[in-house]
Amino acid sequence: MYFHGVIFTRKSKENVMKKIVIAGGTGFIGTYIAKAYEKRGYEVIIISRNLHHQYYKTIPWKEDKIREELESSEILLNLSGKSVD
């Protein structure tokens, strides 16, 4: 499943912390967006190859882990792309 540059949203239930999942969230833009959503009270989950992010919960690119987080999230933002290494 690929959603390049698209945001998917779902209404969250009242009194439940909202969650955003950001694929490719360790880059320049993703880090900025993660901070902005955290300030708005969202739980931020990053999908990345690098699992040692210092601020946010980070999950690997494995279908079962991603599916589990997406089922309880309000927003999916895909910023993943080709590595610039």
N, C-alpha and C. Protein backbone atom coordinates (compact mmCIF):
# COMPACT_ATOMS: atom_id res chain seq x y z
N MET A 1 0.84 -1.16 0.00
CA MET A 1 0.00 0.00 0.00
C MET A 1 0.90 1.24 0.00
N TYR A 2 0.75 2.13 -0.98
CA TYR A 2 1.59 3.31 -1.09
C TYR A 2 0.70 4.55 -1.17
N PHE A 3 1.01 5.56 -0.36
CA PHE A 3 0.25 6.80 -0.32
C PHE A 3 1.22 7.97 -0.34
N HIS A 4 1.87 8.21 -1.45
CA HIS A 4 2.90 9.24 -1.52
C HIS A 4 2.30 10.64 -1.43
N GLY A 5 2.76 11.38 -0.40
CA GLY A 5 2.37 12.77 -0.26
C GLY A 5 0.91 12.98 0.06
N VAL A 6 0.25 12.01 0.64
CA VAL A 6 -1.18 12.12 0.93
C VAL A 6 -1.40 11.97 2.42
N ILE A 7 -2.32 12.74 2.95
CA ILE A 7 -2.69 12.63 4.35
C ILE A 7 -4.06 11.96 4.41
N PHE A 8 -4.16 10.90 5.23
CA PHE A 8 -5.43 10.25 5.46
C PHE A 8 -5.85 10.56 6.89
N THR A 9 -7.09 10.97 7.08
CA THR A 9 -7.55 11.29 8.43
C THR A 9 -8.81 10.50 8.77
N ARG A 10 -9.01 10.33 10.07
CA ARG A 10 -10.19 9.65 10.57
C ARG A 10 -10.58 10.37 11.86
N LYS A 11 -11.87 10.54 12.10
CA LYS A 11 -12.31 11.22 13.31
C LYS A 11 -11.96 10.38 14.53
N SER A 12 -11.43 11.06 15.55
CA SER A 12 -11.10 10.35 16.78
C SER A 12 -12.25 10.47 17.77
N LYS A 13 -12.28 9.56 18.72
CA LYS A 13 -13.30 9.58 19.75
C LYS A 13 -12.96 10.63 20.79
N GLU A 14 -13.97 11.17 21.45
CA GLU A 14 -13.76 12.16 22.49
C GLU A 14 -12.94 11.56 23.62
N ASN A 15 -12.17 12.42 24.29
CA ASN A 15 -11.37 12.05 25.46
C ASN A 15 -10.33 10.96 25.18
N VAL A 16 -9.94 10.79 23.94
CA VAL A 16 -8.89 9.84 23.58
C VAL A 16 -7.77 10.65 22.92
N MET A 17 -6.53 10.39 23.35
CA MET A 17 -5.41 11.11 22.75
C MET A 17 -5.35 10.81 21.26
N LYS A 18 -5.27 11.85 20.47
CA LYS A 18 -5.19 11.68 19.03
C LYS A 18 -3.79 11.22 18.66
N LYS A 19 -3.71 10.44 17.59
CA LYS A 19 -2.43 9.88 17.17
C LYS A 19 -2.21 10.16 15.69
N ILE A 20 -0.97 10.56 15.35
CA ILE A 20 -0.55 10.70 13.96
C ILE A 20 0.60 9.74 13.72
N VAL A 21 0.54 9.03 12.60
CA VAL A 21 1.61 8.14 12.17
C VAL A 21 2.28 8.82 10.98
N ILE A 22 3.59 9.02 11.08
CA ILE A 22 4.34 9.68 10.02
C ILE A 22 5.36 8.71 9.45
N ALA A 23 5.15 8.32 8.21
CA ALA A 23 6.12 7.47 7.50
C ALA A 23 7.20 8.39 6.95
N GLY A 24 8.45 8.10 7.26
CA GLY A 24 9.54 8.97 6.83
C GLY A 24 9.64 10.21 7.70
N GLY A 25 9.29 10.08 8.96
CA GLY A 25 9.23 11.24 9.85
C GLY A 25 10.53 11.66 10.49
N THR A 26 11.65 11.04 10.12
CA THR A 26 12.93 11.42 10.72
C THR A 26 13.69 12.45 9.90
N GLY A 27 13.17 12.80 8.75
CA GLY A 27 13.83 13.79 7.90
C GLY A 27 13.54 15.21 8.34
N PHE A 28 14.01 16.17 7.59
CA PHE A 28 13.87 17.58 7.92
C PHE A 28 12.41 17.99 8.06
N ILE A 29 11.61 17.70 7.06
CA ILE A 29 10.20 18.08 7.08
C ILE A 29 9.43 17.26 8.11
N GLY A 30 9.69 15.97 8.15
CA GLY A 30 8.98 15.09 9.09
C GLY A 30 9.21 15.48 10.54
N THR A 31 10.43 15.86 10.88
CA THR A 31 10.74 16.28 12.24
C THR A 31 9.97 17.54 12.61
N TYR A 32 9.90 18.48 11.71
CA TYR A 32 9.16 19.71 11.94
C TYR A 32 7.67 19.43 12.14
N ILE A 33 7.11 18.59 11.27
CA ILE A 33 5.68 18.26 11.37
C ILE A 33 5.39 17.49 12.66
N ALA A 34 6.27 16.57 13.03
CA ALA A 34 6.09 15.81 14.27
C ALA A 34 6.02 16.75 15.48
N LYS A 35 6.92 17.72 15.54
CA LYS A 35 6.92 18.68 16.64
C LYS A 35 5.63 19.50 16.66
N ALA A 36 5.18 19.91 15.49
CA ALA A 36 3.96 20.72 15.41
C ALA A 36 2.75 19.93 15.91
N TYR A 37 2.62 18.66 15.53
CA TYR A 37 1.49 17.85 15.99
C TYR A 37 1.60 17.52 17.47
N GLU A 38 2.82 17.33 17.96
CA GLU A 38 3.00 17.07 19.38
C GLU A 38 2.52 18.27 20.21
N LYS A 39 2.82 19.46 19.75
CA LYS A 39 2.37 20.68 20.44
C LYS A 39 0.85 20.79 20.46
N ARG A 40 0.20 20.17 19.49
CA ARG A 40 -1.27 20.19 19.42
C ARG A 40 -1.90 19.04 20.19
N GLY A 41 -1.08 18.28 20.92
CA GLY A 41 -1.61 17.22 21.77
C GLY A 41 -1.69 15.84 21.15
N TYR A 42 -1.07 15.64 20.00
CA TYR A 42 -1.09 14.34 19.34
C TYR A 42 0.03 13.45 19.87
N GLU A 43 -0.25 12.16 19.91
CA GLU A 43 0.81 11.18 20.09
C GLU A 43 1.43 10.97 18.72
N VAL A 44 2.74 11.07 18.61
CA VAL A 44 3.43 10.96 17.33
C VAL A 44 4.13 9.61 17.24
N ILE A 45 3.85 8.88 16.16
CA ILE A 45 4.49 7.61 15.87
C ILE A 45 5.22 7.75 14.54
N ILE A 46 6.49 7.36 14.52
CA ILE A 46 7.31 7.46 13.31
C ILE A 46 7.55 6.06 12.75
N ILE A 47 7.35 5.90 11.44
CA ILE A 47 7.73 4.66 10.75
C ILE A 47 9.05 4.96 10.05
N SER A 48 10.08 4.17 10.40
CA SER A 48 11.41 4.48 9.87
C SER A 48 12.31 3.26 9.86
N ARG A 49 13.37 3.32 9.06
CA ARG A 49 14.39 2.29 9.10
C ARG A 49 15.26 2.47 10.34
N ASN A 50 15.40 3.71 10.80
CA ASN A 50 16.20 4.03 11.99
C ASN A 50 15.27 3.98 13.21
N LEU A 51 15.43 2.97 14.05
CA LEU A 51 14.51 2.77 15.17
C LEU A 51 14.97 3.44 16.46
N HIS A 52 15.95 4.30 16.39
CA HIS A 52 16.48 4.92 17.60
C HIS A 52 16.23 6.42 17.60
N HIS A 53 14.99 6.80 17.35
CA HIS A 53 14.63 8.22 17.39
C HIS A 53 14.56 8.66 18.84
N GLN A 54 15.11 9.82 19.15
CA GLN A 54 15.23 10.22 20.54
C GLN A 54 13.96 10.81 21.15
N TYR A 55 13.00 11.25 20.36
CA TYR A 55 11.82 11.91 20.92
C TYR A 55 10.52 11.14 20.78
N TYR A 56 10.36 10.39 19.72
CA TYR A 56 9.07 9.77 19.42
C TYR A 56 9.18 8.26 19.33
N LYS A 57 8.05 7.60 19.55
CA LYS A 57 8.00 6.15 19.36
C LYS A 57 8.25 5.88 17.89
N THR A 58 9.14 4.96 17.60
CA THR A 58 9.48 4.63 16.22
C THR A 58 9.24 3.15 15.99
N ILE A 59 8.57 2.84 14.88
CA ILE A 59 8.29 1.45 14.55
C ILE A 59 8.95 1.11 13.21
N PRO A 60 9.28 -0.17 13.01
CA PRO A 60 9.95 -0.58 11.77
C PRO A 60 8.96 -0.71 10.61
N TRP A 61 9.51 -0.82 9.42
CA TRP A 61 8.72 -1.04 8.21
C TRP A 61 8.30 -2.52 8.14
N LYS A 62 7.45 -2.94 9.05
CA LYS A 62 6.91 -4.29 9.06
C LYS A 62 5.40 -4.19 9.09
N GLU A 63 4.75 -4.92 8.20
CA GLU A 63 3.32 -4.77 8.01
C GLU A 63 2.51 -4.92 9.29
N ASP A 64 2.83 -5.91 10.12
CA ASP A 64 2.03 -6.13 11.33
C ASP A 64 2.16 -4.97 12.31
N LYS A 65 3.36 -4.40 12.47
CA LYS A 65 3.57 -3.27 13.36
C LYS A 65 2.86 -2.02 12.85
N ILE A 66 2.95 -1.79 11.54
CA ILE A 66 2.30 -0.62 10.94
C ILE A 66 0.79 -0.74 11.06
N ARG A 67 0.25 -1.88 10.76
CA ARG A 67 -1.19 -2.10 10.83
C ARG A 67 -1.72 -1.83 12.24
N GLU A 68 -1.01 -2.31 13.24
CA GLU A 68 -1.41 -2.13 14.63
C GLU A 68 -1.50 -0.64 14.99
N GLU A 69 -0.53 0.14 14.58
CA GLU A 69 -0.54 1.58 14.88
C GLU A 69 -1.60 2.31 14.07
N LEU A 70 -1.78 1.93 12.81
CA LEU A 70 -2.76 2.62 11.96
C LEU A 70 -4.19 2.41 12.44
N GLU A 71 -4.47 1.25 13.00
CA GLU A 71 -5.82 0.97 13.46
C GLU A 71 -6.27 1.91 14.57
N SER A 72 -5.32 2.44 15.32
CA SER A 72 -5.69 3.34 16.42
C SER A 72 -5.27 4.79 16.15
N SER A 73 -4.93 5.11 14.91
CA SER A 73 -4.48 6.47 14.61
C SER A 73 -5.58 7.27 13.91
N GLU A 74 -5.43 8.58 14.00
CA GLU A 74 -6.36 9.49 13.33
C GLU A 74 -5.82 9.95 11.99
N ILE A 75 -4.49 10.09 11.90
CA ILE A 75 -3.86 10.63 10.70
C ILE A 75 -2.67 9.76 10.29
N LEU A 76 -2.54 9.54 8.98
CA LEU A 76 -1.36 8.93 8.38
C LEU A 76 -0.78 9.94 7.41
N LEU A 77 0.49 10.27 7.59
CA LEU A 77 1.18 11.18 6.68
C LEU A 77 2.39 10.46 6.12
N ASN A 78 2.46 10.34 4.80
CA ASN A 78 3.57 9.64 4.18
C ASN A 78 4.56 10.64 3.58
N LEU A 79 5.73 10.70 4.21
CA LEU A 79 6.82 11.54 3.72
C LEU A 79 8.01 10.70 3.28
N SER A 80 7.80 9.40 3.21
CA SER A 80 8.92 8.51 2.88
C SER A 80 9.33 8.68 1.42
N GLY A 81 10.58 8.45 1.20
CA GLY A 81 11.10 8.57 -0.15
C GLY A 81 12.43 7.87 -0.25
N LYS A 82 13.07 8.04 -1.35
CA LYS A 82 14.38 7.44 -1.58
C LYS A 82 15.41 8.06 -0.64
N SER A 83 16.24 7.20 -0.09
CA SER A 83 17.29 7.66 0.83
C SER A 83 18.24 8.59 0.11
N VAL A 84 18.70 9.63 0.81
CA VAL A 84 19.65 10.56 0.22
C VAL A 84 21.08 10.26 0.64
N ASP A 85 21.28 9.11 1.28
CA ASP A 85 22.63 8.70 1.72
C ASP A 85 23.53 8.47 0.53
